[in-house]
N, C-alpha and C. Protein backbone atom coordinates (compact mmCIF):
# COMPACT_ATOMS: atom_id res chain seq x y z
N UNK A 1 256.08 100.34 90.84
CA UNK A 1 255.00 99.67 91.55
C UNK A 1 253.64 100.06 90.96
N UNK A 2 253.51 101.30 90.50
CA UNK A 2 252.21 101.74 89.99
C UNK A 2 251.77 100.93 88.77
N UNK A 3 252.74 100.52 87.97
CA UNK A 3 252.41 99.70 86.80
C UNK A 3 251.81 98.37 87.25
N UNK A 4 252.40 97.76 88.28
CA UNK A 4 251.88 96.49 88.82
C UNK A 4 250.47 96.67 89.36
N UNK A 5 250.24 97.76 90.06
CA UNK A 5 248.92 98.03 90.64
C UNK A 5 247.90 98.26 89.53
N UNK A 6 248.27 99.01 88.49
CA UNK A 6 247.35 99.24 87.37
C UNK A 6 247.00 97.93 86.66
N UNK A 7 248.00 97.06 86.48
CA UNK A 7 247.75 95.76 85.86
C UNK A 7 246.81 94.92 86.72
N UNK A 8 247.03 94.95 88.02
CA UNK A 8 246.18 94.18 88.94
C UNK A 8 244.75 94.72 88.91
N UNK A 9 244.60 96.03 88.90
CA UNK A 9 243.28 96.66 88.86
C UNK A 9 242.54 96.23 87.59
N UNK A 10 243.22 96.25 86.47
CA UNK A 10 242.60 95.84 85.19
C UNK A 10 242.19 94.37 85.23
N UNK A 11 243.04 93.53 85.80
CA UNK A 11 242.74 92.10 85.85
C UNK A 11 241.55 91.82 86.77
N UNK A 12 241.47 92.51 87.88
CA UNK A 12 240.33 92.34 88.79
C UNK A 12 239.04 92.75 88.10
N UNK A 13 239.07 93.91 87.47
CA UNK A 13 237.86 94.40 86.80
C UNK A 13 237.46 93.50 85.64
N UNK A 14 238.44 92.97 84.92
CA UNK A 14 238.15 92.06 83.80
C UNK A 14 237.50 90.77 84.29
N UNK A 15 237.73 90.43 85.56
CA UNK A 15 237.14 89.24 86.16
C UNK A 15 235.95 89.58 87.05
N UNK A 16 235.39 90.77 86.84
CA UNK A 16 234.16 91.22 87.52
C UNK A 16 234.32 91.29 89.05
N UNK A 17 235.52 91.69 89.49
CA UNK A 17 235.77 91.91 90.91
C UNK A 17 235.97 93.39 91.15
N UNK A 18 235.41 93.87 92.23
CA UNK A 18 235.51 95.29 92.56
C UNK A 18 236.93 95.64 93.00
N UNK A 19 237.33 96.85 92.69
CA UNK A 19 238.60 97.39 93.16
C UNK A 19 238.31 98.15 94.44
N UNK A 20 238.76 97.62 95.58
CA UNK A 20 238.50 98.26 96.87
C UNK A 20 239.80 98.76 97.47
N UNK A 21 239.68 99.66 98.43
CA UNK A 21 240.88 100.17 99.09
C UNK A 21 241.61 99.06 99.86
N UNK A 22 240.86 98.08 100.37
CA UNK A 22 241.49 96.96 101.07
C UNK A 22 242.29 96.09 100.09
N UNK A 23 241.71 95.80 98.93
CA UNK A 23 242.43 95.00 97.93
C UNK A 23 243.65 95.77 97.41
N UNK A 24 243.48 97.07 97.23
CA UNK A 24 244.62 97.87 96.78
C UNK A 24 245.75 97.82 97.81
N UNK A 25 245.42 97.99 99.08
CA UNK A 25 246.45 97.94 100.11
C UNK A 25 247.13 96.58 100.14
N UNK A 26 246.35 95.52 100.01
CA UNK A 26 246.88 94.17 100.01
C UNK A 26 247.91 94.00 98.89
N UNK A 27 247.55 94.44 97.69
CA UNK A 27 248.45 94.31 96.54
C UNK A 27 249.66 95.23 96.67
N UNK A 28 249.47 96.41 97.25
CA UNK A 28 250.61 97.30 97.47
C UNK A 28 251.61 96.69 98.44
N UNK A 29 251.10 96.10 99.52
CA UNK A 29 251.99 95.45 100.50
C UNK A 29 252.80 94.33 99.85
N UNK A 30 252.14 93.55 99.04
CA UNK A 30 252.81 92.40 98.40
C UNK A 30 253.77 92.86 97.31
N UNK A 31 253.43 93.93 96.61
CA UNK A 31 254.27 94.36 95.48
C UNK A 31 255.44 95.26 95.90
N UNK A 32 255.50 95.65 97.19
CA UNK A 32 256.61 96.48 97.65
C UNK A 32 257.96 95.81 97.46
N UNK A 33 257.98 94.49 97.60
CA UNK A 33 259.24 93.75 97.46
C UNK A 33 258.96 92.49 96.64
N UNK A 34 258.89 92.64 95.30
CA UNK A 34 258.50 91.50 94.46
C UNK A 34 259.54 90.39 94.39
N UNK A 35 260.73 90.59 94.96
CA UNK A 35 261.76 89.56 94.92
C UNK A 35 261.82 88.72 96.19
N UNK A 36 260.90 88.94 97.12
CA UNK A 36 260.91 88.18 98.37
C UNK A 36 259.51 87.73 98.75
N UNK A 37 259.42 86.53 99.30
CA UNK A 37 258.18 86.09 99.92
C UNK A 37 258.08 86.77 101.28
N UNK A 38 256.88 87.03 101.71
CA UNK A 38 256.68 87.53 103.07
C UNK A 38 255.58 86.69 103.73
N UNK A 39 255.68 86.56 105.03
CA UNK A 39 254.67 85.81 105.76
C UNK A 39 253.31 86.49 105.59
N UNK A 40 252.29 85.69 105.37
CA UNK A 40 250.95 86.23 105.20
C UNK A 40 250.50 86.96 106.47
N UNK A 41 251.02 86.55 107.62
CA UNK A 41 250.63 87.22 108.86
C UNK A 41 251.04 88.69 108.85
N UNK A 42 252.13 89.03 108.15
CA UNK A 42 252.57 90.43 108.05
C UNK A 42 251.51 91.23 107.28
N UNK A 43 251.05 90.67 106.16
CA UNK A 43 250.01 91.31 105.36
C UNK A 43 248.71 91.39 106.16
N UNK A 44 248.36 90.28 106.80
CA UNK A 44 247.14 90.21 107.60
C UNK A 44 247.15 91.26 108.71
N UNK A 45 248.25 91.35 109.45
CA UNK A 45 248.34 92.31 110.56
C UNK A 45 248.25 93.75 110.07
N UNK A 46 248.93 94.06 108.97
CA UNK A 46 248.90 95.44 108.44
C UNK A 46 247.48 95.82 108.00
N UNK A 47 246.81 94.90 107.32
CA UNK A 47 245.45 95.18 106.86
C UNK A 47 244.48 95.31 108.03
N UNK A 48 244.61 94.44 109.03
CA UNK A 48 243.69 94.49 110.16
C UNK A 48 243.96 95.72 111.04
N UNK A 49 245.21 96.22 111.04
CA UNK A 49 245.50 97.47 111.74
C UNK A 49 244.83 98.64 111.03
N UNK A 50 244.90 98.63 109.70
CA UNK A 50 244.32 99.73 108.92
C UNK A 50 242.79 99.63 108.85
N UNK A 51 242.27 98.41 108.84
CA UNK A 51 240.83 98.16 108.73
C UNK A 51 240.42 97.15 109.80
N UNK A 52 240.20 97.61 111.03
CA UNK A 52 239.94 96.71 112.16
C UNK A 52 238.77 95.74 111.95
N UNK A 53 237.80 96.07 111.15
CA UNK A 53 236.66 95.18 110.93
C UNK A 53 236.93 94.08 109.91
N UNK A 54 238.07 94.13 109.26
CA UNK A 54 238.41 93.15 108.22
C UNK A 54 238.79 91.82 108.87
N UNK A 55 238.20 90.74 108.40
CA UNK A 55 238.46 89.43 109.01
C UNK A 55 239.64 88.73 108.35
N UNK A 56 240.23 87.80 109.11
CA UNK A 56 241.30 86.96 108.57
C UNK A 56 240.79 86.23 107.33
N UNK A 57 239.58 85.68 107.41
CA UNK A 57 239.01 84.92 106.30
C UNK A 57 238.94 85.76 105.03
N UNK A 58 238.54 87.00 105.14
CA UNK A 58 238.44 87.88 103.97
C UNK A 58 239.81 88.10 103.35
N UNK A 59 240.80 88.31 104.18
CA UNK A 59 242.16 88.54 103.69
C UNK A 59 242.68 87.29 102.97
N UNK A 60 242.54 86.14 103.60
CA UNK A 60 243.04 84.90 103.01
C UNK A 60 242.25 84.54 101.75
N UNK A 61 240.95 84.77 101.75
CA UNK A 61 240.12 84.48 100.58
C UNK A 61 240.56 85.37 99.40
N UNK A 62 240.83 86.64 99.67
CA UNK A 62 241.30 87.53 98.61
C UNK A 62 242.67 87.12 98.09
N UNK A 63 243.56 86.71 98.97
CA UNK A 63 244.87 86.25 98.50
C UNK A 63 244.75 85.01 97.63
N UNK A 64 243.85 84.10 97.99
CA UNK A 64 243.61 82.91 97.15
C UNK A 64 243.03 83.33 95.79
N UNK A 65 242.16 84.32 95.80
CA UNK A 65 241.59 84.82 94.55
C UNK A 65 242.68 85.48 93.70
N UNK A 66 243.56 86.23 94.34
CA UNK A 66 244.68 86.85 93.62
C UNK A 66 245.61 85.79 93.04
N UNK A 67 245.77 84.69 93.77
CA UNK A 67 246.58 83.59 93.25
C UNK A 67 245.91 82.99 92.01
N UNK A 68 244.60 82.78 92.08
CA UNK A 68 243.86 82.22 90.95
C UNK A 68 243.99 83.12 89.72
N UNK A 69 244.01 84.43 89.95
CA UNK A 69 244.13 85.40 88.86
C UNK A 69 245.59 85.62 88.45
N UNK A 70 246.49 84.89 89.07
CA UNK A 70 247.93 84.96 88.78
C UNK A 70 248.54 86.33 89.08
N UNK A 71 248.06 86.94 90.16
CA UNK A 71 248.62 88.21 90.63
C UNK A 71 249.68 87.97 91.70
N UNK A 72 249.48 86.93 92.51
CA UNK A 72 250.43 86.61 93.58
C UNK A 72 250.76 85.13 93.53
N UNK A 73 251.83 84.78 94.24
CA UNK A 73 252.21 83.38 94.42
C UNK A 73 252.15 83.09 95.92
N UNK A 74 251.54 81.98 96.26
CA UNK A 74 251.47 81.55 97.65
C UNK A 74 252.31 80.29 97.80
N UNK A 75 252.90 80.13 98.97
CA UNK A 75 253.63 78.89 99.26
C UNK A 75 253.61 78.63 100.75
N UNK A 76 253.81 77.38 101.10
CA UNK A 76 253.92 76.96 102.49
C UNK A 76 255.40 76.82 102.79
N UNK A 77 255.86 77.46 103.87
CA UNK A 77 257.27 77.37 104.24
C UNK A 77 257.37 77.33 105.76
N UNK A 78 257.93 76.23 106.28
CA UNK A 78 258.08 76.07 107.73
C UNK A 78 256.79 76.35 108.49
N UNK A 79 255.72 75.69 108.10
CA UNK A 79 254.41 75.83 108.75
C UNK A 79 253.83 77.23 108.65
N UNK A 80 254.29 78.02 107.72
CA UNK A 80 253.81 79.40 107.56
C UNK A 80 253.47 79.62 106.09
N UNK A 81 252.29 80.20 105.84
CA UNK A 81 251.95 80.58 104.47
C UNK A 81 252.68 81.87 104.14
N UNK A 82 253.20 81.93 102.92
CA UNK A 82 253.90 83.11 102.46
C UNK A 82 253.34 83.55 101.12
N UNK A 83 253.56 84.82 100.80
CA UNK A 83 253.02 85.40 99.57
C UNK A 83 254.08 86.31 98.95
N UNK A 84 254.07 86.39 97.63
CA UNK A 84 254.87 87.38 96.91
C UNK A 84 254.15 87.73 95.63
N UNK A 85 254.49 88.89 95.07
CA UNK A 85 253.90 89.28 93.81
C UNK A 85 254.38 88.31 92.75
N UNK A 86 253.51 87.94 91.83
CA UNK A 86 253.83 86.93 90.82
C UNK A 86 254.81 87.47 89.78
N UNK A 87 255.73 86.61 89.39
CA UNK A 87 256.66 86.93 88.31
C UNK A 87 255.89 87.06 87.01
N UNK A 88 256.53 87.63 86.02
CA UNK A 88 255.87 87.87 84.73
C UNK A 88 255.52 86.59 83.96
N UNK A 89 256.40 85.61 83.96
CA UNK A 89 256.15 84.44 83.12
C UNK A 89 255.10 83.53 83.73
N UNK A 90 254.42 82.80 82.88
CA UNK A 90 253.31 81.95 83.32
C UNK A 90 253.81 80.85 84.26
N UNK A 91 254.39 79.81 83.74
CA UNK A 91 254.86 78.73 84.60
C UNK A 91 256.36 78.87 84.78
N UNK A 92 256.80 78.85 86.01
CA UNK A 92 258.21 79.03 86.29
C UNK A 92 258.57 78.38 87.62
N UNK A 93 259.85 78.37 87.90
CA UNK A 93 260.37 77.80 89.14
C UNK A 93 261.28 78.83 89.79
N UNK A 94 261.65 78.58 91.04
CA UNK A 94 262.41 79.57 91.80
C UNK A 94 263.70 79.01 92.38
N UNK A 95 264.67 79.91 92.50
CA UNK A 95 265.84 79.72 93.34
C UNK A 95 265.65 80.71 94.48
N UNK A 96 265.75 80.23 95.72
CA UNK A 96 265.54 81.09 96.89
C UNK A 96 266.80 81.09 97.73
N UNK A 97 267.35 82.27 97.98
CA UNK A 97 268.56 82.40 98.79
C UNK A 97 268.21 82.13 100.25
N UNK A 98 268.97 81.27 100.88
CA UNK A 98 268.73 80.92 102.28
C UNK A 98 269.21 81.99 103.25
N UNK A 99 269.98 82.95 102.75
CA UNK A 99 270.48 84.01 103.63
C UNK A 99 269.60 85.26 103.53
N UNK A 100 269.43 85.80 102.31
CA UNK A 100 268.68 87.05 102.18
C UNK A 100 267.22 86.83 101.78
N UNK A 101 266.87 85.63 101.35
CA UNK A 101 265.49 85.32 100.98
C UNK A 101 265.08 85.78 99.59
N UNK A 102 266.03 86.32 98.83
CA UNK A 102 265.71 86.79 97.47
C UNK A 102 265.25 85.63 96.61
N UNK A 103 264.22 85.88 95.82
CA UNK A 103 263.65 84.87 94.92
C UNK A 103 264.04 85.23 93.50
N UNK A 104 264.64 84.26 92.81
CA UNK A 104 264.99 84.46 91.42
C UNK A 104 264.28 83.40 90.58
N UNK A 105 263.75 83.83 89.46
CA UNK A 105 263.08 82.92 88.55
C UNK A 105 264.14 82.11 87.80
N UNK A 106 263.89 80.80 87.65
CA UNK A 106 264.79 79.95 86.87
C UNK A 106 263.97 79.22 85.81
N UNK A 107 264.62 78.90 84.72
CA UNK A 107 263.96 78.18 83.65
C UNK A 107 264.38 76.71 83.71
N UNK A 108 263.42 75.84 83.49
CA UNK A 108 263.68 74.40 83.48
C UNK A 108 263.01 73.81 82.26
N UNK A 109 263.53 72.68 81.80
CA UNK A 109 262.83 72.02 80.69
C UNK A 109 261.46 71.53 81.17
N UNK A 110 260.51 71.41 80.25
CA UNK A 110 259.17 70.94 80.64
C UNK A 110 259.22 69.54 81.23
N UNK A 111 258.36 69.31 82.23
CA UNK A 111 258.25 67.98 82.82
C UNK A 111 257.23 67.16 82.04
N UNK A 112 257.50 65.89 81.89
CA UNK A 112 256.59 64.98 81.20
C UNK A 112 255.60 64.42 82.22
N UNK A 113 254.46 65.08 82.36
CA UNK A 113 253.47 64.67 83.36
C UNK A 113 252.92 63.27 83.08
N UNK A 114 252.84 62.87 81.83
CA UNK A 114 252.36 61.52 81.50
C UNK A 114 253.27 60.47 82.13
N UNK A 115 254.56 60.73 82.16
CA UNK A 115 255.52 59.81 82.78
C UNK A 115 255.21 59.63 84.27
N UNK A 116 254.91 60.73 84.94
CA UNK A 116 254.62 60.65 86.38
C UNK A 116 253.24 60.05 86.63
N UNK A 117 252.30 60.34 85.77
CA UNK A 117 250.96 59.76 85.94
C UNK A 117 250.98 58.25 85.75
N UNK A 118 251.92 57.72 84.96
CA UNK A 118 252.05 56.26 84.81
C UNK A 118 252.42 55.62 86.15
N UNK A 119 253.11 56.35 87.00
CA UNK A 119 253.50 55.84 88.31
C UNK A 119 252.36 55.95 89.32
N UNK A 120 251.31 56.66 88.94
CA UNK A 120 250.17 56.90 89.83
C UNK A 120 248.90 56.48 89.11
N UNK A 121 248.68 55.19 88.94
CA UNK A 121 247.52 54.72 88.16
C UNK A 121 246.21 55.36 88.63
N UNK A 122 245.47 55.91 87.67
CA UNK A 122 244.18 56.51 87.98
C UNK A 122 244.26 57.96 88.41
N UNK A 123 245.45 58.47 88.66
CA UNK A 123 245.61 59.85 89.14
C UNK A 123 245.74 60.81 87.96
N UNK A 124 245.38 62.06 88.20
CA UNK A 124 245.57 63.13 87.22
C UNK A 124 246.36 64.24 87.90
N UNK A 125 247.56 64.52 87.42
CA UNK A 125 248.38 65.58 87.98
C UNK A 125 247.86 66.91 87.46
N UNK A 126 247.61 67.83 88.36
CA UNK A 126 247.07 69.14 87.97
C UNK A 126 248.07 70.27 88.16
N UNK A 127 249.22 70.00 88.71
CA UNK A 127 250.22 71.04 88.89
C UNK A 127 251.38 70.53 89.71
N UNK A 128 252.38 71.37 89.87
CA UNK A 128 253.54 71.03 90.68
C UNK A 128 254.25 72.31 91.11
N UNK A 129 255.11 72.17 92.09
CA UNK A 129 255.98 73.27 92.50
C UNK A 129 257.40 72.74 92.55
N UNK A 130 258.34 73.63 92.34
CA UNK A 130 259.74 73.24 92.36
C UNK A 130 260.55 74.44 92.81
N UNK A 131 261.33 74.27 93.86
CA UNK A 131 262.17 75.35 94.36
C UNK A 131 263.58 74.82 94.57
N UNK A 132 264.54 75.59 94.15
CA UNK A 132 265.94 75.33 94.47
C UNK A 132 266.32 76.30 95.57
N UNK A 133 267.09 75.84 96.53
CA UNK A 133 267.54 76.68 97.63
C UNK A 133 269.05 76.69 97.64
N UNK A 134 269.59 77.78 98.11
CA UNK A 134 271.05 77.90 98.21
C UNK A 134 271.42 79.29 98.65
N UNK A 135 272.59 79.72 98.22
CA UNK A 135 273.10 81.05 98.58
C UNK A 135 273.32 81.80 97.28
N UNK A 136 272.67 82.96 97.14
CA UNK A 136 272.78 83.75 95.90
C UNK A 136 274.19 84.30 95.75
N UNK A 137 274.50 84.77 94.55
CA UNK A 137 275.83 85.29 94.24
C UNK A 137 276.21 86.45 95.15
N UNK A 138 275.26 87.35 95.42
CA UNK A 138 275.55 88.51 96.25
C UNK A 138 275.92 88.10 97.68
N UNK A 139 275.15 87.16 98.25
CA UNK A 139 275.43 86.71 99.62
C UNK A 139 276.74 85.91 99.67
N UNK A 140 277.01 85.12 98.64
CA UNK A 140 278.28 84.38 98.59
C UNK A 140 279.45 85.34 98.56
N UNK A 141 279.33 86.41 97.76
CA UNK A 141 280.41 87.38 97.66
C UNK A 141 280.63 88.08 99.01
N UNK A 142 279.55 88.41 99.72
CA UNK A 142 279.66 89.06 101.03
C UNK A 142 280.33 88.15 102.04
N UNK A 143 280.01 86.85 101.99
CA UNK A 143 280.53 85.92 102.99
C UNK A 143 281.92 85.39 102.65
N UNK A 144 282.40 85.60 101.42
CA UNK A 144 283.75 85.17 101.06
C UNK A 144 284.80 86.20 101.44
N UNK A 145 284.36 87.42 101.77
CA UNK A 145 285.31 88.49 102.12
C UNK A 145 285.85 88.30 103.49
């Protein structure tokens, strides 16, 4: 975990952002389990317990900034925002186990955005998300016994 924190600290400083104890705690909470998304409310509650004067807006703004810096990944799931530490590779997709919630990176061939933009005259696609859901090998093995 210390390597992840050191990398995050360097990236923040390289982007002229201060390294604060609140930001450090936020990144430590997220990096504790890099293979699972966690509800942002869990991070928010832990930070507000440790720093009662810290606002929800500050926490969410920092998480969005961390996403922009490619330190974390945010997603919407069942009306809840979730966060996890970002995988190493730049653009990637996920397989998410429906039982244990483990996130595994998967590789896919590149998408032809020009093909999709032809279906949306005048539009410019700026990104996409793709998740596969199912039951991971470990959970399948447990449930087959």
